[in-house]
Amino acid sequence: MKAIKDMNQFREVIQNTEPVIVKFEAGWCPDCKAMDMWIDPIVEKYSAYSWYTVNRDEVEEAAVENEVMGIPSILIFQDGKKLHHLHSANAKSPEQVESFLADSLGQ
């Protein structure tokens, strides 16, 4: 996953004509660290899509604009619009994340 470091980069990334997957996280977040332990095979399975991370503390404006109230959250963007949002409460297991991606991306 590529890290997004500022709002200009965030806005550029989400303008993609293909869906992009953005994981909102923070360095202090234990659930984010737990997700990091099992997310790689899912990223590989969905490698046809571009994956990014946003540290919600470093690019807070992106989190606020997209109503990211809890982390980790996974959002899917296309053409500058948020298409799907997996809230942190529903992103606790690989099965939840895979189900969200399958439903959201039609796979």
C-alpha atoms as a PDB file:
ATOM      1  CA  MET A   1       0.000   0.000   0.000  1.00  0.00           C
ATOM      2  CA  LYS A   2       1.187   3.471  -0.845  1.00  0.00           C
ATOM      3  CA  ALA A   3       0.983   6.165   1.827  1.00  0.00           C
ATOM      4  CA  ILE A   4      -0.893   9.380   1.115  1.00  0.00           C
ATOM      5  CA  LYS A   5       0.875  12.234   2.875  1.00  0.00           C
ATOM      6  CA  ASP A   6      -1.278  15.325   2.194  1.00  0.00           C
ATOM      7  CA  MET A   7      -4.646  16.534   0.890  1.00  0.00           C
ATOM      8  CA  ASN A   8      -3.352  17.360  -2.583  1.00  0.00           C
ATOM      9  CA  GLN A   9      -2.114  13.794  -3.005  1.00  0.00           C
ATOM     10  CA  PHE A  10      -5.375  12.429  -1.529  1.00  0.00           C
ATOM     11  CA  ARG A  11      -7.523  14.440  -3.942  1.00  0.00           C
ATOM     12  CA  GLU A  12      -5.367  13.333  -6.866  1.00  0.00           C
ATOM     13  CA  VAL A  13      -5.570   9.637  -5.897  1.00  0.00           C
ATOM     14  CA  ILE A  14      -9.350   9.560  -5.498  1.00  0.00           C
ATOM     15  CA  GLN A  15      -9.867  11.119  -8.945  1.00  0.00           C
ATOM     16  CA  ASN A  16      -8.873   7.808 -10.528  1.00  0.00           C
ATOM     17  CA  THR A  17     -11.317   6.501 -13.136  1.00  0.00           C
ATOM     18  CA  GLU A  18     -10.870   3.025 -11.633  1.00  0.00           C
ATOM     19  CA  PRO A  19     -11.852   2.242  -8.028  1.00  0.00           C
ATOM     20  CA  VAL A  20      -9.102   2.861  -5.465  1.00  0.00           C
ATOM     21  CA  ILE A  21      -9.056   1.401  -1.963  1.00  0.00           C
ATOM     22  CA  VAL A  22      -7.963   3.638   0.908  1.00  0.00           C
ATOM     23  CA  LYS A  23      -7.284   2.371   4.427  1.00  0.00           C
ATOM     24  CA  PHE A  24      -7.524   5.038   7.131  1.00  0.00           C
ATOM     25  CA  GLU A  25      -5.315   4.267  10.118  1.00  0.00           C
ATOM     26  CA  ALA A  26      -3.091   5.774  12.826  1.00  0.00           C
ATOM     27  CA  GLY A  27       0.179   4.733  14.401  1.00  0.00           C
ATOM     28  CA  TRP A  28      -1.323   4.529  17.901  1.00  0.00           C
ATOM     29  CA  CYS A  29      -4.291   2.347  16.851  1.00  0.00           C
ATOM     30  CA  PRO A  30      -4.165  -1.269  18.139  1.00  0.00           C
ATOM     31  CA  ASP A  31      -6.909  -2.425  15.744  1.00  0.00           C
ATOM     32  CA  CYS A  32      -4.899  -0.980  12.848  1.00  0.00           C
ATOM     33  CA  LYS A  33      -1.842  -2.947  13.941  1.00  0.00           C
ATOM     34  CA  ALA A  34      -3.971  -6.089  14.202  1.00  0.00           C
ATOM     35  CA  MET A  35      -5.315  -5.541  10.677  1.00  0.00           C
ATOM     36  CA  ASP A  36      -1.759  -5.123   9.391  1.00  0.00           C
ATOM     37  CA  MET A  37      -1.082  -8.715  10.494  1.00  0.00           C
ATOM     38  CA  TRP A  38      -3.724 -10.203   8.177  1.00  0.00           C
ATOM     39  CA  ILE A  39      -4.420  -7.686   5.392  1.00  0.00           C
ATOM     40  CA  ASP A  40      -1.594  -8.648   2.966  1.00  0.00           C
ATOM     41  CA  PRO A  41      -3.320 -11.713   1.432  1.00  0.00           C
ATOM     42  CA  ILE A  42      -6.457  -9.604   0.873  1.00  0.00           C
ATOM     43  CA  VAL A  43      -4.435  -6.847  -0.791  1.00  0.00           C
ATOM     44  CA  GLU A  44      -2.855  -9.530  -2.989  1.00  0.00           C
ATOM     45  CA  LYS A  45      -6.259 -11.007  -3.869  1.00  0.00           C
ATOM     46  CA  TYR A  46      -7.484  -7.546  -4.874  1.00  0.00           C
ATOM     47  CA  SER A  47      -4.211  -6.482  -6.484  1.00  0.00           C
ATOM     48  CA  ALA A  48      -6.047  -5.338  -9.620  1.00  0.00           C
ATOM     49  CA  TYR A  49      -6.925  -2.263  -7.541  1.00  0.00           C
ATOM     50  CA  SER A  50      -4.621   0.427  -6.200  1.00  0.00           C
ATOM     51  CA  TRP A  51      -4.354   0.420  -2.390  1.00  0.00           C
ATOM     52  CA  TYR A  52      -3.420   3.432  -0.275  1.00  0.00           C
ATOM     53  CA  THR A  53      -3.128   4.289   3.396  1.00  0.00           C
ATOM     54  CA  VAL A  54      -3.968   7.564   5.104  1.00  0.00           C
ATOM     55  CA  ASN A  55      -2.763   8.327   8.603  1.00  0.00           C
ATOM     56  CA  ARG A  56      -5.844  10.107   9.934  1.00  0.00           C
ATOM     57  CA  ASP A  57      -3.691  12.215  12.258  1.00  0.00           C
ATOM     58  CA  GLU A  58      -1.433  13.437   9.435  1.00  0.00           C
ATOM     59  CA  VAL A  59      -4.176  14.049   6.837  1.00  0.00           C
ATOM     60  CA  GLU A  60      -7.021  14.840   9.197  1.00  0.00           C
ATOM     61  CA  GLU A  61      -8.953  16.827   6.593  1.00  0.00           C
ATOM     62  CA  ALA A  62      -9.395  13.681   4.472  1.00  0.00           C
ATOM     63  CA  ALA A  63     -10.795  11.807   7.480  1.00  0.00           C
ATOM     64  CA  VAL A  64     -13.181  14.626   8.392  1.00  0.00           C
ATOM     65  CA  GLU A  65     -14.410  15.155   4.811  1.00  0.00           C
ATOM     66  CA  ASN A  66     -15.161  11.438   4.456  1.00  0.00           C
ATOM     67  CA  GLU A  67     -16.753  10.947   7.885  1.00  0.00           C
ATOM     68  CA  VAL A  68     -14.086   8.520   9.103  1.00  0.00           C
ATOM     69  CA  MET A  69     -15.078   8.370  12.759  1.00  0.00           C
ATOM     70  CA  GLY A  70     -13.207   5.184  13.667  1.00  0.00           C
ATOM     71  CA  ILE A  71     -10.118   3.414  12.473  1.00  0.00           C
ATOM     72  CA  PRO A  72      -9.181   1.281  10.733  1.00  0.00           C
ATOM     73  CA  SER A  73     -11.738   2.100   8.064  1.00  0.00           C
ATOM     74  CA  ILE A  74     -11.583   1.090   4.422  1.00  0.00           C
ATOM     75  CA  LEU A  75     -13.076   3.362   1.790  1.00  0.00           C
ATOM     76  CA  ILE A  76     -13.429   2.903  -1.940  1.00  0.00           C
ATOM     77  CA  PHE A  77     -13.267   5.959  -4.205  1.00  0.00           C
ATOM     78  CA  GLN A  78     -13.716   6.488  -7.920  1.00  0.00           C
ATOM     79  CA  ASP A  79     -13.883   9.689  -9.980  1.00  0.00           C
ATOM     80  CA  GLY A  80     -13.457  11.771  -6.819  1.00  0.00           C
ATOM     81  CA  LYS A  81     -16.451  10.242  -5.036  1.00  0.00           C
ATOM     82  CA  LYS A  82     -16.663   7.923  -2.044  1.00  0.00           C
ATOM     83  CA  LEU A  83     -18.483   4.817  -3.249  1.00  0.00           C
ATOM     84  CA  HIS A  84     -18.254   2.535  -0.210  1.00  0.00           C
ATOM     85  CA  HIS A  85     -17.191   2.832   3.430  1.00  0.00           C
ATOM     86  CA  LEU A  86     -16.349  -0.049   5.772  1.00  0.00           C
ATOM     87  CA  HIS A  87     -16.540   1.451   9.266  1.00  0.00           C
ATOM     88  CA  SER A  88     -14.046   0.337  11.887  1.00  0.00           C
ATOM     89  CA  ALA A  89     -16.647  -1.597  13.900  1.00  0.00           C
ATOM     90  CA  ASN A  90     -17.132  -3.866  10.877  1.00  0.00           C
ATOM     91  CA  ALA A  91     -13.441  -4.169   9.939  1.00  0.00           C
ATOM     92  CA  LYS A  92     -12.242  -6.449  12.742  1.00  0.00           C
ATOM     93  CA  SER A  93     -11.628  -9.636  10.759  1.00  0.00           C
ATOM     94  CA  PRO A  94     -10.343 -10.756   7.361  1.00  0.00           C
ATOM     95  CA  GLU A  95     -13.782 -12.190   6.632  1.00  0.00           C
ATOM     96  CA  GLN A  96     -15.495  -8.835   7.210  1.00  0.00           C
ATOM     97  CA  VAL A  97     -13.029  -7.009   4.961  1.00  0.00           C
ATOM     98  CA  GLU A  98     -13.226  -9.628   2.204  1.00  0.00           C
ATOM     99  CA  SER A  99     -17.022  -9.619   2.301  1.00  0.00           C
ATOM    100  CA  PHE A 100     -17.050  -5.803   2.055  1.00  0.00           C
ATOM    101  CA  LEU A 101     -14.659  -5.831  -0.905  1.00  0.00           C
ATOM    102  CA  ALA A 102     -16.529  -8.611  -2.709  1.00  0.00           C
ATOM    103  CA  ASP A 103     -19.859  -6.809  -2.261  1.00  0.00           C
ATOM    104  CA  SER A 104     -18.448  -3.379  -3.134  1.00  0.00           C
ATOM    105  CA  LEU A 105     -16.367  -4.411  -6.130  1.00  0.00           C
ATOM    106  CA  GLY A 106     -18.666  -7.114  -7.454  1.00  0.00           C
ATOM    107  CA  GLN A 107     -16.283 -10.033  -7.053  1.00  0.00           C
END
